[in-house]
Amino acid sequence: MTTSNLSKIKPKLRTTGQVTGNFGRPKTKAGSNTNLGLSDKPKGAIKVTREKDYINRLYDALDVTDDPKLKKFLTFEIKKYLIKTNQWSN
């Protein structure tokens, strides 16, 4: 029986070629975004609903809906607001 030398072959250390690990594509560094939180829209163009208006809309929707999933969401959101403003009591 002849002995095999296959188990004695060490794999070559890979020091050349592309650095992969991104499903075959070369790895790239993400570009820096220095404009985080800034917008190019003119002032006043973005409408943000005030919290008080949002809560009033939640109460209105709670009065009208029959959907149990929606009722659960509405009560959860209202409870969250009441806890945040120290108005919640068990």
Protein backbone atom coordinates (compact mmCIF):
# COMPACT_ATOMS: atom_id res chain seq x y z
CA MET A 1 0.00 0.00 0.00
CA THR A 2 1.35 3.40 -0.95
CA THR A 3 1.13 6.31 1.43
CA SER A 4 -0.42 9.54 0.30
CA ASN A 5 1.22 12.91 0.69
CA LEU A 6 -2.06 14.83 0.27
CA SER A 7 -2.50 15.33 4.00
CA LYS A 8 0.96 16.85 4.22
CA ILE A 9 0.26 19.63 1.68
CA LYS A 10 -0.29 22.92 3.45
CA PRO A 11 -2.52 25.51 1.76
CA LYS A 12 -0.67 28.56 0.53
CA LEU A 13 -1.22 31.71 2.57
CA ARG A 14 -3.18 34.05 0.35
CA THR A 15 -1.38 37.36 0.18
CA THR A 16 -2.36 38.48 -3.31
CA GLY A 17 -5.63 39.15 -5.11
CA GLN A 18 -8.77 40.96 -4.09
CA VAL A 19 -9.89 41.09 -0.50
CA THR A 20 -13.33 39.52 -0.56
CA GLY A 21 -15.88 38.50 2.01
CA ASN A 22 -18.74 40.46 0.51
CA PHE A 23 -20.20 37.60 -1.56
CA GLY A 24 -17.42 37.79 -4.15
CA ARG A 25 -17.46 41.57 -4.51
CA PRO A 26 -14.48 43.58 -3.35
CA LYS A 27 -14.90 45.11 0.08
CA THR A 28 -15.51 48.84 0.05
CA LYS A 29 -15.61 51.41 2.77
CA ALA A 30 -18.81 53.38 3.13
CA GLY A 31 -18.60 57.02 2.20
CA SER A 32 -19.07 59.49 5.00
CA ASN A 33 -22.32 61.39 5.05
CA THR A 34 -21.67 64.75 6.66
CA ASN A 35 -25.17 66.06 6.02
CA LEU A 36 -26.94 63.90 8.57
CA GLY A 37 -30.06 65.58 9.88
CA LEU A 38 -29.84 68.43 7.39
CA SER A 39 -32.36 69.00 4.64
CA ASP A 40 -32.28 71.05 1.48
CA LYS A 41 -36.03 71.79 1.72
CA PRO A 42 -37.02 75.37 2.45
CA LYS A 43 -37.97 76.23 6.00
CA GLY A 44 -41.61 75.48 6.71
CA ALA A 45 -41.95 72.96 3.88
CA ILE A 46 -41.91 69.98 6.23
CA LYS A 47 -45.04 69.66 8.37
CA VAL A 48 -44.63 67.90 11.70
CA THR A 49 -47.74 66.94 13.64
CA ARG A 50 -47.73 68.22 17.19
CA GLU A 51 -48.02 65.58 19.87
CA LYS A 52 -51.27 67.03 21.24
CA ASP A 53 -52.90 66.86 17.79
CA TYR A 54 -51.66 63.29 17.35
CA ILE A 55 -53.18 62.21 20.68
CA ASN A 56 -56.49 63.88 19.79
CA ARG A 57 -56.54 61.97 16.51
CA LEU A 58 -55.83 58.73 18.40
CA TYR A 59 -58.78 59.35 20.73
CA ASP A 60 -61.04 60.14 17.76
CA ALA A 61 -60.00 56.95 15.99
CA LEU A 62 -60.54 54.92 19.16
CA ASP A 63 -64.13 56.15 19.37
CA VAL A 64 -64.89 55.20 15.76
CA THR A 65 -63.11 51.88 15.15
CA ASP A 66 -64.37 48.33 15.68
CA ASP A 67 -61.11 46.62 14.68
CA PRO A 68 -59.59 44.91 17.77
CA LYS A 69 -56.04 45.12 16.39
CA LEU A 70 -56.37 48.86 15.79
CA LYS A 71 -57.96 49.38 19.22
CA LYS A 72 -55.01 47.60 20.84
CA PHE A 73 -52.55 49.83 18.99
CA LEU A 74 -54.46 53.01 19.83
CA THR A 75 -54.74 52.19 23.53
CA PHE A 76 -51.05 51.29 23.64
CA GLU A 77 -50.05 54.62 22.03
CA ILE A 78 -52.36 56.63 24.30
CA LYS A 79 -51.04 54.79 27.36
CA LYS A 80 -47.46 55.49 26.26
CA TYR A 81 -48.24 59.20 25.98
CA LEU A 82 -50.02 59.31 29.35
CA ILE A 83 -47.12 57.55 31.08
CA LYS A 84 -44.66 59.94 29.46
CA THR A 85 -46.60 62.98 30.67
CA ASN A 86 -47.18 61.53 34.18
CA GLN A 87 -50.94 61.29 33.72
CA TRP A 88 -51.28 57.50 33.82
CA SER A 89 -52.87 55.82 36.83
CA ASN A 90 -53.82 52.17 37.13
